[in-house]
N, C-alpha and C. Protein backbone atom coordinates (compact mmCIF):
# COMPACT_ATOMS: atom_id res chain seq x y z
N UNK A 1 8.87 -49.04 2.66
CA UNK A 1 9.33 -48.33 3.91
C UNK A 1 9.33 -46.83 3.64
N UNK A 2 8.59 -46.20 4.50
CA UNK A 2 8.46 -44.66 4.38
C UNK A 2 9.52 -43.94 5.03
N UNK A 3 9.78 -42.69 4.73
CA UNK A 3 10.81 -41.78 5.44
C UNK A 3 10.20 -40.48 5.53
N UNK A 4 10.74 -39.72 6.48
CA UNK A 4 10.04 -38.32 6.75
C UNK A 4 10.59 -37.37 5.74
N UNK A 5 9.79 -36.40 5.57
CA UNK A 5 10.13 -35.31 4.64
C UNK A 5 11.37 -34.44 5.06
N UNK A 6 12.21 -34.09 4.10
CA UNK A 6 13.30 -33.30 4.39
C UNK A 6 13.35 -32.05 3.39
N UNK A 7 13.97 -31.09 3.83
CA UNK A 7 14.09 -29.80 3.00
C UNK A 7 15.43 -29.76 2.36
N UNK A 8 15.42 -29.15 1.08
CA UNK A 8 16.65 -28.86 0.41
C UNK A 8 16.54 -27.44 -0.06
N UNK A 9 17.70 -26.81 -0.42
CA UNK A 9 17.72 -25.47 -0.81
C UNK A 9 18.18 -25.54 -2.31
N UNK A 10 17.54 -24.64 -3.11
CA UNK A 10 17.89 -24.60 -4.58
C UNK A 10 17.82 -23.12 -4.94
N UNK A 11 19.01 -22.56 -5.52
CA UNK A 11 19.11 -21.27 -6.03
C UNK A 11 18.43 -21.18 -7.33
N UNK A 12 17.39 -20.22 -7.57
CA UNK A 12 16.74 -20.11 -8.92
C UNK A 12 16.86 -18.73 -9.29
N UNK A 13 16.53 -18.45 -10.59
CA UNK A 13 16.40 -17.11 -11.14
C UNK A 13 15.13 -16.42 -10.80
N UNK A 14 15.19 -15.18 -10.28
CA UNK A 14 13.97 -14.38 -10.13
C UNK A 14 14.05 -13.09 -10.99
N UNK A 15 12.81 -12.62 -11.23
CA UNK A 15 12.82 -11.27 -11.89
C UNK A 15 12.27 -10.23 -10.91
N UNK A 16 13.14 -9.38 -10.66
CA UNK A 16 12.76 -8.27 -9.65
C UNK A 16 12.20 -7.05 -10.28
N UNK A 17 11.52 -6.26 -9.54
CA UNK A 17 10.88 -5.05 -10.03
C UNK A 17 11.37 -3.89 -9.30
N UNK A 18 11.77 -2.76 -10.07
CA UNK A 18 12.21 -1.57 -9.54
C UNK A 18 11.38 -0.39 -9.93
N UNK A 19 11.10 0.49 -9.00
CA UNK A 19 10.40 1.72 -9.26
C UNK A 19 11.53 2.90 -9.33
N UNK A 20 11.48 3.75 -10.24
CA UNK A 20 12.61 4.68 -10.49
C UNK A 20 12.03 6.17 -10.71
N UNK A 21 12.73 7.00 -10.09
CA UNK A 21 12.47 8.44 -10.33
C UNK A 21 13.76 9.10 -10.66
N UNK A 22 13.76 10.13 -11.52
CA UNK A 22 14.94 10.88 -11.86
C UNK A 22 15.12 10.93 -13.29
N UNK A 23 16.10 11.64 -13.86
CA UNK A 23 16.43 11.84 -15.20
C UNK A 23 16.61 10.38 -15.95
N UNK A 24 16.26 10.39 -17.27
CA UNK A 24 16.49 9.19 -18.01
C UNK A 24 17.82 9.07 -18.64
N UNK A 25 18.57 10.22 -18.84
CA UNK A 25 19.83 10.25 -19.42
C UNK A 25 20.75 11.15 -18.70
N UNK A 26 22.06 10.98 -19.00
CA UNK A 26 23.01 11.73 -18.21
C UNK A 26 23.64 10.94 -17.03
N UNK A 27 24.89 11.39 -16.62
CA UNK A 27 25.49 10.75 -15.47
C UNK A 27 25.13 11.73 -14.28
N UNK A 28 24.67 11.07 -13.18
CA UNK A 28 24.11 11.73 -12.06
C UNK A 28 25.08 11.64 -10.82
N UNK A 29 25.05 12.73 -10.04
CA UNK A 29 26.07 12.80 -8.97
C UNK A 29 25.44 12.12 -7.61
N UNK A 30 24.19 11.70 -7.69
CA UNK A 30 23.45 11.26 -6.47
C UNK A 30 22.58 10.13 -6.72
N UNK A 31 22.72 8.99 -5.94
CA UNK A 31 21.87 7.86 -6.06
C UNK A 31 21.25 7.58 -4.73
N UNK A 32 19.90 7.38 -4.70
CA UNK A 32 19.28 6.99 -3.40
C UNK A 32 18.70 5.61 -3.84
N UNK A 33 19.03 4.53 -3.00
CA UNK A 33 18.29 3.31 -3.00
C UNK A 33 17.48 3.24 -1.76
N UNK A 34 16.18 3.12 -1.98
CA UNK A 34 15.18 3.21 -0.88
C UNK A 34 14.36 1.93 -0.71
N UNK A 35 14.18 1.38 0.37
CA UNK A 35 13.54 0.11 0.67
C UNK A 35 12.19 0.35 1.39
N UNK A 36 11.15 -0.10 0.86
CA UNK A 36 9.87 0.14 1.37
C UNK A 36 9.57 -0.73 2.58
N UNK A 37 8.47 -0.61 3.28
CA UNK A 37 8.15 -1.31 4.47
C UNK A 37 7.24 -2.45 4.22
N UNK A 38 6.88 -3.14 5.27
CA UNK A 38 6.03 -4.36 5.13
C UNK A 38 4.62 -3.93 4.52
N UNK A 39 4.07 -4.80 3.66
CA UNK A 39 2.80 -4.61 2.96
C UNK A 39 2.78 -3.53 1.97
N UNK A 40 3.95 -2.90 1.65
CA UNK A 40 3.95 -1.88 0.65
C UNK A 40 4.56 -2.45 -0.68
N UNK A 41 4.42 -1.71 -1.74
CA UNK A 41 4.99 -2.04 -3.06
C UNK A 41 5.76 -0.79 -3.51
N UNK A 42 6.75 -1.08 -4.40
CA UNK A 42 7.75 -0.14 -4.68
C UNK A 42 7.23 1.20 -5.28
N UNK A 43 6.40 1.08 -6.30
CA UNK A 43 5.85 2.29 -7.03
C UNK A 43 5.13 3.27 -6.12
N UNK A 44 4.16 2.79 -5.36
CA UNK A 44 3.50 3.75 -4.47
C UNK A 44 4.46 4.24 -3.36
N UNK A 45 5.38 3.44 -2.84
CA UNK A 45 6.30 3.97 -1.92
C UNK A 45 7.22 5.10 -2.57
N UNK A 46 7.53 4.97 -3.77
CA UNK A 46 8.46 5.84 -4.31
C UNK A 46 7.76 7.36 -4.47
N UNK A 47 6.45 7.32 -4.51
CA UNK A 47 5.77 8.57 -4.69
C UNK A 47 6.11 9.50 -3.44
N UNK A 48 6.42 8.92 -2.40
CA UNK A 48 6.80 9.77 -1.16
C UNK A 48 8.09 10.40 -1.26
N UNK A 49 8.88 10.21 -2.32
CA UNK A 49 10.14 10.90 -2.53
C UNK A 49 9.99 11.94 -3.56
N UNK A 50 8.86 12.37 -4.00
CA UNK A 50 8.66 13.44 -4.98
C UNK A 50 9.31 14.73 -4.51
N UNK A 51 9.27 15.05 -3.19
CA UNK A 51 9.86 16.25 -2.62
C UNK A 51 11.32 16.42 -2.89
N UNK A 52 12.02 15.29 -3.22
CA UNK A 52 13.47 15.51 -3.50
C UNK A 52 13.82 15.05 -4.88
N UNK A 53 12.87 14.79 -5.72
CA UNK A 53 13.12 14.55 -7.15
C UNK A 53 13.16 15.79 -7.93
N UNK A 54 14.38 16.41 -7.89
CA UNK A 54 14.61 17.77 -8.47
C UNK A 54 15.36 17.65 -9.71
N UNK A 55 15.69 16.49 -10.26
CA UNK A 55 16.46 16.23 -11.53
C UNK A 55 17.89 16.05 -11.34
N UNK A 56 18.31 16.07 -10.03
CA UNK A 56 19.79 15.88 -9.76
C UNK A 56 20.09 14.64 -9.33
N UNK A 57 19.19 13.78 -8.97
CA UNK A 57 19.44 12.38 -8.43
C UNK A 57 18.58 11.28 -9.05
N UNK A 58 19.14 10.12 -8.98
CA UNK A 58 18.44 8.88 -9.30
C UNK A 58 17.84 8.24 -8.03
N UNK A 59 16.62 8.06 -7.97
CA UNK A 59 16.00 7.35 -6.74
C UNK A 59 15.38 6.06 -7.22
N UNK A 60 15.80 5.00 -6.67
CA UNK A 60 15.51 3.73 -7.01
C UNK A 60 14.94 2.91 -5.86
N UNK A 61 13.65 2.35 -6.06
CA UNK A 61 13.09 1.63 -4.96
C UNK A 61 12.88 0.19 -5.44
N UNK A 62 13.76 -0.67 -4.91
CA UNK A 62 13.60 -2.21 -5.36
C UNK A 62 12.34 -2.66 -4.63
N UNK A 63 11.65 -3.52 -5.19
CA UNK A 63 10.43 -4.13 -4.56
C UNK A 63 10.82 -5.54 -3.97
N UNK A 64 10.39 -5.64 -2.76
CA UNK A 64 10.67 -6.96 -2.01
C UNK A 64 10.22 -8.20 -3.01
N UNK A 65 10.99 -9.19 -2.91
CA UNK A 65 10.81 -10.39 -3.78
C UNK A 65 9.61 -11.26 -3.47
N UNK A 66 9.01 -11.03 -2.16
CA UNK A 66 7.90 -11.75 -1.73
C UNK A 66 6.65 -10.87 -1.70
N UNK A 67 5.66 -11.22 -2.56
CA UNK A 67 4.42 -10.56 -2.62
C UNK A 67 3.23 -11.44 -2.22
N UNK A 68 2.16 -10.74 -1.73
CA UNK A 68 1.07 -11.61 -1.18
C UNK A 68 -0.19 -10.72 -1.25
N UNK A 69 -1.33 -11.39 -1.22
CA UNK A 69 -2.73 -10.73 -1.12
C UNK A 69 -2.92 -10.37 0.38
N UNK A 70 -3.34 -9.11 0.57
CA UNK A 70 -3.82 -8.84 1.92
C UNK A 70 -5.19 -9.08 2.20
N UNK A 71 -5.57 -9.08 3.55
CA UNK A 71 -7.06 -9.34 3.86
C UNK A 71 -7.32 -10.76 3.98
N UNK A 72 -8.57 -11.04 4.37
CA UNK A 72 -9.14 -12.36 4.45
C UNK A 72 -9.40 -13.02 3.17
N UNK A 73 -9.28 -14.34 3.10
CA UNK A 73 -9.38 -15.03 1.83
C UNK A 73 -10.80 -14.97 1.32
N UNK A 74 -11.80 -14.97 2.26
CA UNK A 74 -13.20 -14.90 1.90
C UNK A 74 -13.49 -13.60 1.07
N UNK A 75 -12.94 -12.47 1.55
CA UNK A 75 -13.14 -11.27 0.89
C UNK A 75 -12.58 -11.23 -0.48
N UNK A 76 -11.36 -11.86 -0.59
CA UNK A 76 -10.61 -11.83 -1.84
C UNK A 76 -11.44 -12.58 -2.91
N UNK A 77 -11.93 -13.80 -2.51
CA UNK A 77 -12.76 -14.64 -3.41
C UNK A 77 -13.95 -13.90 -3.81
N UNK A 78 -14.66 -13.20 -3.02
CA UNK A 78 -15.76 -12.47 -3.47
C UNK A 78 -15.64 -11.24 -4.29
N UNK A 79 -14.45 -10.64 -4.17
CA UNK A 79 -14.21 -9.39 -4.91
C UNK A 79 -12.72 -9.34 -5.35
N UNK A 80 -12.41 -10.16 -6.41
CA UNK A 80 -10.89 -10.19 -6.69
C UNK A 80 -10.45 -8.75 -7.26
N UNK A 81 -11.30 -7.96 -7.92
CA UNK A 81 -10.87 -6.70 -8.47
C UNK A 81 -10.37 -5.69 -7.30
N UNK A 82 -10.86 -6.00 -6.05
CA UNK A 82 -10.51 -5.22 -5.01
C UNK A 82 -9.40 -5.74 -4.21
N UNK A 83 -8.74 -6.82 -4.52
CA UNK A 83 -7.71 -7.44 -3.84
C UNK A 83 -6.50 -6.47 -3.81
N UNK A 84 -5.89 -6.44 -2.61
CA UNK A 84 -4.74 -5.51 -2.41
C UNK A 84 -3.48 -6.43 -2.31
N UNK A 85 -2.43 -6.07 -3.04
CA UNK A 85 -1.12 -6.81 -2.87
C UNK A 85 -0.13 -6.09 -2.12
N UNK A 86 0.63 -6.76 -1.22
CA UNK A 86 1.65 -6.10 -0.44
C UNK A 86 2.84 -6.88 -0.67
N UNK A 87 4.05 -6.31 -0.13
CA UNK A 87 5.30 -7.02 -0.33
C UNK A 87 5.85 -7.21 1.09
N UNK A 88 6.80 -8.25 1.05
CA UNK A 88 7.53 -8.44 2.45
C UNK A 88 8.89 -8.85 2.14
N UNK A 89 9.89 -8.19 2.85
CA UNK A 89 11.33 -8.59 2.61
C UNK A 89 11.70 -9.93 3.16
N UNK A 90 11.00 -10.37 4.23
CA UNK A 90 11.29 -11.70 4.70
C UNK A 90 10.34 -11.95 5.83
N UNK A 91 10.27 -13.31 6.25
CA UNK A 91 9.65 -13.67 7.50
C UNK A 91 10.61 -14.64 8.24
N UNK A 92 10.08 -15.21 9.29
CA UNK A 92 11.02 -16.07 10.11
C UNK A 92 11.30 -17.40 9.40
N UNK A 93 10.57 -17.76 8.38
CA UNK A 93 10.67 -18.99 7.60
C UNK A 93 11.83 -18.89 6.61
N UNK A 94 12.76 -19.77 6.64
CA UNK A 94 14.02 -19.72 5.71
C UNK A 94 14.66 -18.38 5.84
N UNK A 95 14.80 -17.83 7.05
CA UNK A 95 15.27 -16.49 7.30
C UNK A 95 16.70 -16.23 6.69
N UNK A 96 17.61 -17.13 6.94
CA UNK A 96 18.95 -16.91 6.40
C UNK A 96 19.04 -16.80 5.00
N UNK A 97 18.16 -17.80 4.34
CA UNK A 97 18.24 -17.77 2.83
C UNK A 97 17.60 -16.40 2.29
N UNK A 98 16.62 -15.86 2.94
CA UNK A 98 16.09 -14.53 2.45
C UNK A 98 17.05 -13.42 2.63
N UNK A 99 17.77 -13.47 3.83
CA UNK A 99 18.77 -12.51 4.06
C UNK A 99 19.88 -12.57 2.91
N UNK A 100 20.36 -13.67 2.63
CA UNK A 100 21.41 -13.87 1.56
C UNK A 100 20.84 -13.42 0.22
N UNK A 101 19.61 -13.85 -0.03
CA UNK A 101 19.02 -13.43 -1.36
C UNK A 101 18.78 -11.95 -1.45
N UNK A 102 18.38 -11.26 -0.36
CA UNK A 102 18.20 -9.84 -0.40
C UNK A 102 19.55 -9.13 -0.59
N UNK A 103 20.58 -9.56 0.12
CA UNK A 103 21.94 -8.90 -0.07
C UNK A 103 22.37 -9.06 -1.59
N UNK A 104 22.22 -10.25 -2.08
CA UNK A 104 22.66 -10.39 -3.54
C UNK A 104 21.75 -9.49 -4.40
N UNK A 105 20.53 -9.36 -4.09
CA UNK A 105 19.51 -8.58 -4.97
C UNK A 105 19.98 -7.12 -4.90
N UNK A 106 20.26 -6.53 -3.68
CA UNK A 106 20.76 -5.25 -3.67
C UNK A 106 22.08 -4.94 -4.20
N UNK A 107 23.06 -5.91 -4.23
CA UNK A 107 24.20 -5.85 -4.91
C UNK A 107 24.00 -5.68 -6.51
N UNK A 108 22.95 -6.45 -7.06
CA UNK A 108 22.60 -6.39 -8.40
C UNK A 108 21.93 -5.03 -8.65
N UNK A 109 21.11 -4.47 -7.74
CA UNK A 109 20.45 -3.28 -8.01
C UNK A 109 21.52 -2.10 -8.13
N UNK A 110 22.47 -2.22 -7.22
CA UNK A 110 23.65 -1.12 -7.30
C UNK A 110 24.42 -1.31 -8.63
N UNK A 111 24.74 -2.53 -8.98
CA UNK A 111 25.45 -2.71 -10.29
C UNK A 111 24.58 -2.21 -11.47
N UNK A 112 23.29 -2.39 -11.39
CA UNK A 112 22.48 -1.95 -12.44
C UNK A 112 22.43 -0.39 -12.66
N UNK A 113 22.58 0.34 -11.37
CA UNK A 113 22.52 1.68 -11.30
C UNK A 113 23.88 2.27 -11.78
N UNK A 114 24.93 1.54 -11.47
CA UNK A 114 26.38 2.16 -11.57
C UNK A 114 26.63 2.92 -12.90
N UNK A 115 26.21 2.34 -14.11
CA UNK A 115 26.55 3.06 -15.36
C UNK A 115 25.82 4.46 -15.42
N UNK A 116 24.85 4.81 -14.58
CA UNK A 116 24.25 6.03 -14.67
C UNK A 116 24.86 7.03 -13.68
N UNK A 117 25.90 6.59 -12.99
CA UNK A 117 26.44 7.51 -11.94
C UNK A 117 27.80 8.21 -12.39
N UNK A 118 27.94 9.38 -11.97
CA UNK A 118 29.26 10.15 -12.21
C UNK A 118 30.25 9.46 -11.40
N UNK A 119 31.51 9.76 -11.70
CA UNK A 119 32.70 9.03 -11.01
C UNK A 119 32.72 9.39 -9.55
N UNK A 120 32.24 10.49 -9.21
CA UNK A 120 32.26 10.88 -7.65
C UNK A 120 30.79 10.90 -7.03
N UNK A 121 30.03 10.10 -7.68
CA UNK A 121 28.58 10.07 -7.24
C UNK A 121 28.49 9.54 -5.71
N UNK A 122 27.53 9.97 -5.06
CA UNK A 122 27.35 9.58 -3.56
C UNK A 122 26.04 8.75 -3.52
N UNK A 123 26.14 7.81 -2.67
CA UNK A 123 25.06 6.76 -2.48
C UNK A 123 24.42 6.92 -1.16
N UNK A 124 23.09 7.18 -1.09
CA UNK A 124 22.32 7.15 0.06
C UNK A 124 21.44 5.92 0.13
N UNK A 125 21.37 5.22 1.23
CA UNK A 125 20.51 3.98 1.36
C UNK A 125 19.55 4.35 2.50
N UNK A 126 18.36 4.26 2.12
CA UNK A 126 17.23 4.51 3.15
C UNK A 126 16.37 3.24 3.27
N UNK A 127 16.13 2.82 4.53
CA UNK A 127 15.15 1.77 4.82
C UNK A 127 14.06 2.21 5.64
N UNK A 128 12.94 1.97 5.19
CA UNK A 128 11.67 2.45 5.99
C UNK A 128 11.10 1.24 6.63
N UNK A 129 10.70 1.30 7.92
CA UNK A 129 10.07 0.23 8.55
C UNK A 129 10.71 -1.08 8.35
N UNK A 130 9.95 -2.09 7.94
CA UNK A 130 10.59 -3.43 7.73
C UNK A 130 11.86 -3.39 6.80
N UNK A 131 11.77 -2.47 5.80
CA UNK A 131 12.91 -2.30 4.90
C UNK A 131 14.20 -1.90 5.55
N UNK A 132 14.10 -1.31 6.73
CA UNK A 132 15.26 -0.76 7.38
C UNK A 132 16.27 -1.93 7.71
N UNK A 133 15.69 -3.06 8.04
CA UNK A 133 16.57 -4.20 8.50
C UNK A 133 17.32 -4.69 7.27
N UNK A 134 16.58 -4.85 6.16
CA UNK A 134 17.30 -5.35 4.93
C UNK A 134 18.32 -4.32 4.48
N UNK A 135 18.00 -2.94 4.61
CA UNK A 135 18.90 -1.97 4.21
C UNK A 135 20.16 -2.00 5.08
N UNK A 136 19.98 -2.15 6.49
CA UNK A 136 21.04 -2.08 7.35
C UNK A 136 22.03 -3.30 7.14
N UNK A 137 21.41 -4.38 6.91
CA UNK A 137 22.22 -5.63 6.55
C UNK A 137 23.12 -5.35 5.38
N UNK A 138 22.44 -4.70 4.31
CA UNK A 138 23.28 -4.55 3.05
C UNK A 138 24.42 -3.47 3.36
N UNK A 139 24.07 -2.44 3.99
CA UNK A 139 25.15 -1.51 4.42
C UNK A 139 26.22 -2.24 5.19
N UNK A 140 25.78 -3.06 6.17
CA UNK A 140 26.80 -3.76 7.02
C UNK A 140 27.63 -4.81 6.19
N UNK A 141 27.18 -5.20 5.11
CA UNK A 141 27.90 -6.15 4.24
C UNK A 141 29.22 -5.51 3.63
N UNK A 142 29.16 -4.11 3.60
CA UNK A 142 30.32 -3.39 2.99
C UNK A 142 30.59 -3.56 1.58
N UNK A 143 29.49 -4.03 0.78
CA UNK A 143 29.79 -4.39 -0.67
C UNK A 143 29.53 -3.10 -1.54
N UNK A 144 28.97 -2.00 -1.00
CA UNK A 144 28.77 -0.95 -1.78
C UNK A 144 29.26 0.39 -1.07
N UNK A 145 29.63 1.41 -1.83
CA UNK A 145 30.27 2.63 -1.10
C UNK A 145 29.22 3.56 -0.60
N UNK A 146 28.58 3.24 0.47
CA UNK A 146 27.43 4.02 0.97
C UNK A 146 27.98 5.24 1.72
N UNK A 147 27.46 6.46 1.38
CA UNK A 147 27.92 7.74 1.84
C UNK A 147 26.96 8.13 3.07
N UNK A 148 25.62 7.72 2.92
CA UNK A 148 24.66 8.09 3.95
C UNK A 148 23.74 6.99 4.06
N UNK A 149 23.33 6.65 5.35
CA UNK A 149 22.41 5.52 5.62
C UNK A 149 21.33 6.14 6.62
N UNK A 150 20.11 5.81 6.18
CA UNK A 150 19.03 6.43 6.96
C UNK A 150 18.07 5.25 7.34
N UNK A 151 17.91 5.15 8.63
CA UNK A 151 16.97 4.15 9.32
C UNK A 151 15.77 4.99 9.66
N UNK A 152 14.62 4.65 9.08
CA UNK A 152 13.39 5.39 9.24
C UNK A 152 12.28 4.70 9.84
N UNK A 153 11.77 5.12 10.91
CA UNK A 153 10.64 4.43 11.47
C UNK A 153 10.97 3.03 11.99
N UNK A 154 12.19 2.81 12.42
CA UNK A 154 12.58 1.45 12.81
C UNK A 154 13.91 1.44 13.66
N UNK A 155 14.50 0.35 13.83
CA UNK A 155 15.86 0.24 14.47
C UNK A 155 16.76 -0.65 13.61
N UNK A 156 18.00 -0.71 14.07
CA UNK A 156 18.91 -1.71 13.41
C UNK A 156 18.52 -3.06 13.84
N UNK A 157 18.70 -3.98 12.85
CA UNK A 157 18.39 -5.46 13.20
C UNK A 157 19.39 -5.94 14.11
N UNK A 158 19.00 -6.81 15.05
CA UNK A 158 19.85 -7.28 16.12
C UNK A 158 21.13 -8.08 15.68
N UNK A 159 21.03 -8.58 14.42
CA UNK A 159 22.11 -9.54 13.93
C UNK A 159 23.22 -8.79 13.19
N UNK A 160 23.23 -7.39 12.98
CA UNK A 160 24.30 -6.70 12.43
C UNK A 160 25.38 -6.36 13.54
N UNK A 161 26.66 -6.27 13.00
CA UNK A 161 27.69 -5.88 13.93
C UNK A 161 27.84 -4.42 14.03
N UNK A 162 27.57 -3.87 15.24
CA UNK A 162 27.61 -2.38 15.45
C UNK A 162 28.97 -1.94 15.85
N UNK A 163 29.76 -2.69 16.45
CA UNK A 163 31.11 -2.17 17.02
C UNK A 163 32.10 -1.88 15.89
N UNK A 164 32.86 -0.79 16.10
CA UNK A 164 33.80 -0.39 15.19
C UNK A 164 34.91 -1.52 15.03
N UNK A 165 35.56 -1.74 13.94
CA UNK A 165 35.37 -0.88 12.68
C UNK A 165 34.36 -1.38 11.61
N UNK A 166 33.31 -1.92 12.05
CA UNK A 166 32.25 -2.39 11.19
C UNK A 166 31.89 -1.42 10.16
N UNK A 167 31.46 -1.90 8.90
CA UNK A 167 31.06 -1.04 7.81
C UNK A 167 29.99 -0.11 8.15
N UNK A 168 29.19 -0.38 9.23
CA UNK A 168 28.08 0.57 9.55
C UNK A 168 28.66 1.89 10.21
N UNK A 169 29.85 1.91 10.51
CA UNK A 169 30.55 3.14 10.93
C UNK A 169 31.00 4.12 9.91
N UNK A 170 30.97 3.66 8.58
CA UNK A 170 31.44 4.48 7.57
C UNK A 170 30.49 5.60 7.14
N UNK A 171 29.21 5.23 6.89
CA UNK A 171 28.29 6.33 6.36
C UNK A 171 27.86 7.38 7.41
N UNK A 172 27.35 8.42 6.81
CA UNK A 172 26.69 9.39 7.66
C UNK A 172 25.31 8.80 8.07
N UNK A 173 25.15 8.56 9.26
CA UNK A 173 24.00 7.71 9.67
C UNK A 173 22.89 8.64 10.34
N UNK A 174 21.62 8.39 9.87
CA UNK A 174 20.48 9.17 10.39
C UNK A 174 19.48 8.11 10.92
N UNK A 175 18.97 8.42 12.12
CA UNK A 175 17.77 7.75 12.63
C UNK A 175 16.61 8.75 12.69
N UNK A 176 15.58 8.40 11.91
CA UNK A 176 14.44 9.33 11.73
C UNK A 176 13.27 8.70 12.29
N UNK A 177 12.55 9.38 13.19
CA UNK A 177 11.28 8.84 13.93
C UNK A 177 10.26 9.89 13.96
N UNK A 178 9.12 9.54 13.68
CA UNK A 178 7.85 10.43 13.79
C UNK A 178 7.51 10.46 15.30
N UNK A 179 7.02 11.67 15.68
CA UNK A 179 6.62 11.82 17.13
C UNK A 179 5.47 10.94 17.52
N UNK A 180 4.69 10.46 16.59
CA UNK A 180 3.52 9.63 16.95
C UNK A 180 3.66 8.25 16.23
N UNK A 181 4.87 7.80 16.04
CA UNK A 181 5.18 6.49 15.34
C UNK A 181 4.75 5.40 16.30
N UNK A 182 3.78 4.53 15.95
CA UNK A 182 3.37 3.52 16.89
C UNK A 182 4.29 2.37 16.99
N UNK A 183 5.11 2.23 15.94
CA UNK A 183 6.04 1.19 15.91
C UNK A 183 7.55 1.50 16.48
N UNK A 184 7.70 2.74 16.55
CA UNK A 184 9.08 3.16 17.05
C UNK A 184 8.81 4.12 18.27
N UNK A 185 8.29 3.67 19.27
CA UNK A 185 7.85 4.32 20.50
C UNK A 185 9.06 4.96 21.26
N UNK A 186 8.91 5.91 22.13
CA UNK A 186 9.97 6.54 22.81
C UNK A 186 10.81 5.50 23.57
N UNK A 187 10.14 4.37 24.17
CA UNK A 187 10.84 3.42 24.87
C UNK A 187 11.74 2.58 23.91
N UNK A 188 11.34 2.24 22.74
CA UNK A 188 12.08 1.58 21.69
C UNK A 188 13.25 2.44 21.26
N UNK A 189 12.99 3.72 21.05
CA UNK A 189 14.02 4.60 20.50
C UNK A 189 15.09 4.75 21.60
N UNK A 190 14.72 4.88 22.83
CA UNK A 190 15.67 5.07 23.97
C UNK A 190 16.61 3.88 24.01
N UNK A 191 16.05 2.71 23.96
CA UNK A 191 16.83 1.46 23.85
C UNK A 191 17.83 1.31 22.82
N UNK A 192 17.28 1.79 21.59
CA UNK A 192 18.08 1.72 20.49
C UNK A 192 19.34 2.76 20.62
N UNK A 193 18.98 4.04 21.07
CA UNK A 193 20.07 4.91 21.19
C UNK A 193 21.14 4.44 22.18
N UNK A 194 20.78 3.80 23.26
CA UNK A 194 21.70 3.25 24.15
C UNK A 194 22.54 2.16 23.60
N UNK A 195 21.98 1.35 22.65
CA UNK A 195 22.79 0.31 21.86
C UNK A 195 23.66 0.92 20.98
N UNK A 196 23.30 2.03 20.33
CA UNK A 196 24.21 2.65 19.33
C UNK A 196 25.29 3.45 19.98
N UNK A 197 24.92 4.00 21.20
CA UNK A 197 25.92 4.81 21.93
C UNK A 197 27.00 3.84 22.45
N UNK A 198 26.59 2.69 22.96
CA UNK A 198 27.45 1.69 23.49
C UNK A 198 28.50 1.26 22.48
N UNK A 199 27.89 1.09 21.18
CA UNK A 199 28.87 0.70 20.14
C UNK A 199 29.67 2.02 19.58
N UNK A 200 29.47 3.10 20.09
CA UNK A 200 30.12 4.34 19.61
C UNK A 200 29.98 4.64 18.13
N UNK A 201 28.66 4.26 17.69
CA UNK A 201 28.35 4.49 16.30
C UNK A 201 27.75 5.88 16.31
N UNK A 202 28.33 6.78 15.50
CA UNK A 202 27.82 8.24 15.35
C UNK A 202 26.67 8.33 14.53
N UNK A 203 25.52 8.94 14.94
CA UNK A 203 24.31 9.15 14.19
C UNK A 203 23.63 10.43 14.51
N UNK A 204 22.83 10.86 13.58
CA UNK A 204 21.99 12.03 13.75
C UNK A 204 20.56 11.57 14.08
N UNK A 205 20.00 11.99 15.21
CA UNK A 205 18.64 11.67 15.47
C UNK A 205 17.72 12.79 15.10
N UNK A 206 16.76 12.51 14.17
CA UNK A 206 15.78 13.46 13.76
C UNK A 206 14.41 13.07 14.02
N UNK A 207 13.62 13.99 14.46
CA UNK A 207 12.21 13.62 14.73
C UNK A 207 11.34 14.65 13.80
N UNK A 208 10.10 14.24 13.55
CA UNK A 208 9.25 15.09 12.89
C UNK A 208 7.77 14.87 13.38
N UNK A 209 6.95 15.77 13.23
CA UNK A 209 5.58 15.77 13.73
C UNK A 209 4.69 14.79 12.89
N UNK A 210 4.37 13.64 13.34
CA UNK A 210 3.66 12.62 12.54
C UNK A 210 3.94 11.21 12.96
N UNK A 211 3.25 10.30 12.24
CA UNK A 211 3.36 8.91 12.57
C UNK A 211 4.34 8.12 11.81
N UNK A 212 3.89 6.94 11.44
CA UNK A 212 4.74 5.88 10.80
C UNK A 212 4.65 6.08 9.22
N UNK A 213 5.39 7.09 8.74
CA UNK A 213 5.37 7.54 7.39
C UNK A 213 6.63 8.35 7.14
N UNK A 214 6.80 8.72 5.80
CA UNK A 214 7.92 9.47 5.33
C UNK A 214 7.41 10.98 5.48
N UNK A 215 8.30 11.94 5.53
CA UNK A 215 7.93 13.35 5.65
C UNK A 215 8.79 14.22 4.69
N UNK A 216 8.07 15.08 3.89
CA UNK A 216 8.80 15.85 2.87
C UNK A 216 9.75 16.78 3.53
N UNK A 217 9.46 17.53 4.56
CA UNK A 217 10.51 18.50 5.05
C UNK A 217 11.61 17.77 5.55
N UNK A 218 11.56 16.63 6.24
CA UNK A 218 12.75 15.88 6.75
C UNK A 218 13.60 15.45 5.62
N UNK A 219 12.94 14.87 4.52
CA UNK A 219 13.72 14.55 3.42
C UNK A 219 14.50 15.68 2.77
N UNK A 220 13.91 16.80 2.71
CA UNK A 220 14.59 18.01 2.16
C UNK A 220 15.83 18.38 3.11
N UNK A 221 15.59 18.32 4.40
CA UNK A 221 16.62 18.52 5.38
C UNK A 221 17.84 17.67 5.12
N UNK A 222 17.51 16.29 5.01
CA UNK A 222 18.60 15.38 4.74
C UNK A 222 19.27 15.67 3.48
N UNK A 223 18.68 15.94 2.42
CA UNK A 223 19.32 16.28 1.13
C UNK A 223 20.18 17.48 1.15
N UNK A 224 19.73 18.43 1.98
CA UNK A 224 20.50 19.76 2.09
C UNK A 224 21.64 19.73 3.00
N UNK A 225 21.72 18.60 3.80
CA UNK A 225 22.91 18.44 4.69
C UNK A 225 23.96 17.58 4.11
N UNK A 226 25.24 18.09 3.94
CA UNK A 226 26.27 17.34 3.41
C UNK A 226 26.65 16.01 4.14
N UNK A 227 26.75 15.00 3.44
CA UNK A 227 27.10 13.68 4.01
C UNK A 227 28.62 13.61 4.29
């Protein structure tokens, strides 16, 4: 007698990869945890933060736990050396499991960084593109003392609680959008602003001339603005 297949969940140990900028020694007053976008990897993404790597802060980019080869399989088979690897925080498959795993992952990243921080250190969490949803969920979990929260080139995920007194109201919140960002269009940004305003969530809206990318001058502006 046959039976239909069924799914089970099993927690396993994973080895995560972090890209790091900043001094190797000493207690630091400033920690940035920055989450890359879809199809990116941590080390190349972190190069975009060179403009604020002045020796006064630790900048850590956790890499998404899901990696894959980009492009068509026929092209990869023909030329393996040219294969490009990308990362993804999650898909629609086993979505709730991935969300829980990502939250636990970021808790572990912060715990790993904590011994390098001064007693009064300030934490900035930045999510770019797809990484913004994972970053926002972690800020919303309230498990880390986030002082500044930056949503860059994206919006808040629909599943987080925006209404006060949710943890998302605690940090100094920034919404950063390029003027030519094809994924955060004026219509999308307007709808997001209406949602945030309805929740009475205070935020700074910053735009820069450019597309779906990070911007050196905007990063410098954020760093120079007290949280």
